[in-house]
Amino acid sequence: MKYTHFDDIEPSNKTDFIMLYFAACRSLRELESAIRRTNGGKLSCRQAWLLRRIQRKLSQMAAFWKNIL
C-alpha cells in the first residue's frame, strides 16, 4: 500500500473532520471483524496492539482538532 505524504495532500472543502473520523472508525471496526473471521474469532496480541494504536492516533487527532476550534 502506497501512502501519500502529508505535504502532498491538497485541502478539500468537501470533507468534514467529524465525518472522516467516524468513517475511519467504521473502517477500523470492519478491519477488526475481517481479521477475527480469518483467525477463528481471535486476534493475536500484535494485531490487537496495532488496532488499538490506530484507534489511539484517531483519538489524538480528534482531540487536536477540538483544540483548534
C-alpha atoms as a PDB file:
ATOM      1  CA  MET A   1       0.000   0.000   0.000  1.00  0.00           C
ATOM      2  CA  LYS A   2       1.434   3.340  -1.034  1.00  0.00           C
ATOM      3  CA  TYR A   3       0.660   6.346   1.147  1.00  0.00           C
ATOM      4  CA  THR A   4       0.565   9.986   0.090  1.00  0.00           C
ATOM      5  CA  HIS A   5       2.897  12.259   2.008  1.00  0.00           C
ATOM      6  CA  PHE A   6       1.133  14.732   4.296  1.00  0.00           C
ATOM      7  CA  ASP A   7       2.577  17.764   2.480  1.00  0.00           C
ATOM      8  CA  ASP A   8       1.324  16.487  -0.898  1.00  0.00           C
ATOM      9  CA  ILE A   9      -2.343  16.353   0.158  1.00  0.00           C
ATOM     10  CA  GLU A  10      -4.409  19.204  -1.241  1.00  0.00           C
ATOM     11  CA  PRO A  11      -7.015  20.865   1.004  1.00  0.00           C
ATOM     12  CA  SER A  12     -10.645  19.930   0.394  1.00  0.00           C
ATOM     13  CA  ASN A  13     -13.745  21.933   1.208  1.00  0.00           C
ATOM     14  CA  LYS A  14     -15.985  18.917   0.583  1.00  0.00           C
ATOM     15  CA  THR A  15     -14.976  16.959   3.692  1.00  0.00           C
ATOM     16  CA  ASP A  16     -15.679  17.437   7.357  1.00  0.00           C
ATOM     17  CA  PHE A  17     -13.363  16.145  10.085  1.00  0.00           C
ATOM     18  CA  ILE A  18     -16.215  14.615  12.088  1.00  0.00           C
ATOM     19  CA  MET A  19     -17.425  12.652   9.059  1.00  0.00           C
ATOM     20  CA  LEU A  20     -13.878  11.448   8.351  1.00  0.00           C
ATOM     21  CA  TYR A  21     -13.321  10.423  11.977  1.00  0.00           C
ATOM     22  CA  PHE A  22     -16.428   8.242  12.084  1.00  0.00           C
ATOM     23  CA  ALA A  23     -15.684   6.775   8.637  1.00  0.00           C
ATOM     24  CA  ALA A  24     -12.182   5.826   9.828  1.00  0.00           C
ATOM     25  CA  CYS A  25     -13.635   4.248  12.981  1.00  0.00           C
ATOM     26  CA  ARG A  26     -16.098   2.224  10.903  1.00  0.00           C
ATOM     27  CA  SER A  27     -13.310   1.035   8.611  1.00  0.00           C
ATOM     28  CA  LEU A  28     -11.200   0.080  11.616  1.00  0.00           C
ATOM     29  CA  ARG A  29     -14.103  -1.896  13.103  1.00  0.00           C
ATOM     30  CA  GLU A  30     -14.670  -3.667   9.771  1.00  0.00           C
ATOM     31  CA  LEU A  31     -10.973  -4.499   9.550  1.00  0.00           C
ATOM     32  CA  GLU A  32     -11.069  -5.966  13.054  1.00  0.00           C
ATOM     33  CA  SER A  33     -14.112  -8.076  12.111  1.00  0.00           C
ATOM     34  CA  ALA A  34     -12.388  -9.341   8.963  1.00  0.00           C
ATOM     35  CA  ILE A  35      -9.266 -10.285  10.925  1.00  0.00           C
ATOM     36  CA  ARG A  36     -11.376 -12.064  13.545  1.00  0.00           C
ATOM     37  CA  ARG A  37     -13.208 -14.023  10.823  1.00  0.00           C
ATOM     38  CA  THR A  38      -9.939 -15.250   9.329  1.00  0.00           C
ATOM     39  CA  ASN A  39      -8.462 -16.123  12.743  1.00  0.00           C
ATOM     40  CA  GLY A  40     -11.440 -18.026  14.124  1.00  0.00           C
ATOM     41  CA  GLY A  41     -12.734 -15.179  16.297  1.00  0.00           C
ATOM     42  CA  LYS A  42      -9.449 -14.195  17.916  1.00  0.00           C
ATOM     43  CA  LEU A  43      -6.829 -11.513  17.453  1.00  0.00           C
ATOM     44  CA  SER A  44      -3.169 -12.071  18.100  1.00  0.00           C
ATOM     45  CA  CYS A  45      -1.558  -9.760  20.639  1.00  0.00           C
ATOM     46  CA  ARG A  46       0.270  -7.936  17.851  1.00  0.00           C
ATOM     47  CA  GLN A  47      -2.914  -7.430  15.809  1.00  0.00           C
ATOM     48  CA  ALA A  48      -4.830  -6.131  18.818  1.00  0.00           C
ATOM     49  CA  TRP A  49      -1.956  -3.799  19.698  1.00  0.00           C
ATOM     50  CA  LEU A  50      -1.805  -2.392  16.164  1.00  0.00           C
ATOM     51  CA  LEU A  51      -5.566  -1.825  16.016  1.00  0.00           C
ATOM     52  CA  ARG A  52      -5.515  -0.099  19.428  1.00  0.00           C
ATOM     53  CA  ARG A  53      -2.604   2.057  18.257  1.00  0.00           C
ATOM     54  CA  ILE A  54      -4.534   3.220  15.202  1.00  0.00           C
ATOM     55  CA  GLN A  55      -7.599   3.958  17.355  1.00  0.00           C
ATOM     56  CA  ARG A  56      -5.442   5.932  19.794  1.00  0.00           C
ATOM     57  CA  LYS A  57      -3.997   8.019  16.949  1.00  0.00           C
ATOM     58  CA  LEU A  58      -7.516   8.751  15.684  1.00  0.00           C
ATOM     59  CA  SER A  59      -8.479   9.886  19.191  1.00  0.00           C
ATOM     60  CA  GLN A  60      -5.387  12.093  19.393  1.00  0.00           C
ATOM     61  CA  MET A  61      -6.229  13.681  16.030  1.00  0.00           C
ATOM     62  CA  ALA A  62      -9.789  14.377  17.205  1.00  0.00           C
ATOM     63  CA  ALA A  63      -8.527  15.925  20.451  1.00  0.00           C
ATOM     64  CA  PHE A  64      -6.102  18.125  18.491  1.00  0.00           C
ATOM     65  CA  TRP A  65      -8.874  19.183  16.107  1.00  0.00           C
ATOM     66  CA  LYS A  66     -11.135  20.130  19.026  1.00  0.00           C
ATOM     67  CA  ASN A  67      -8.386  22.316  20.493  1.00  0.00           C
ATOM     68  CA  ILE A  68      -8.074  24.206  17.198  1.00  0.00           C
ATOM     69  CA  LEU A  69     -11.748  25.181  17.262  1.00  0.00           C
END
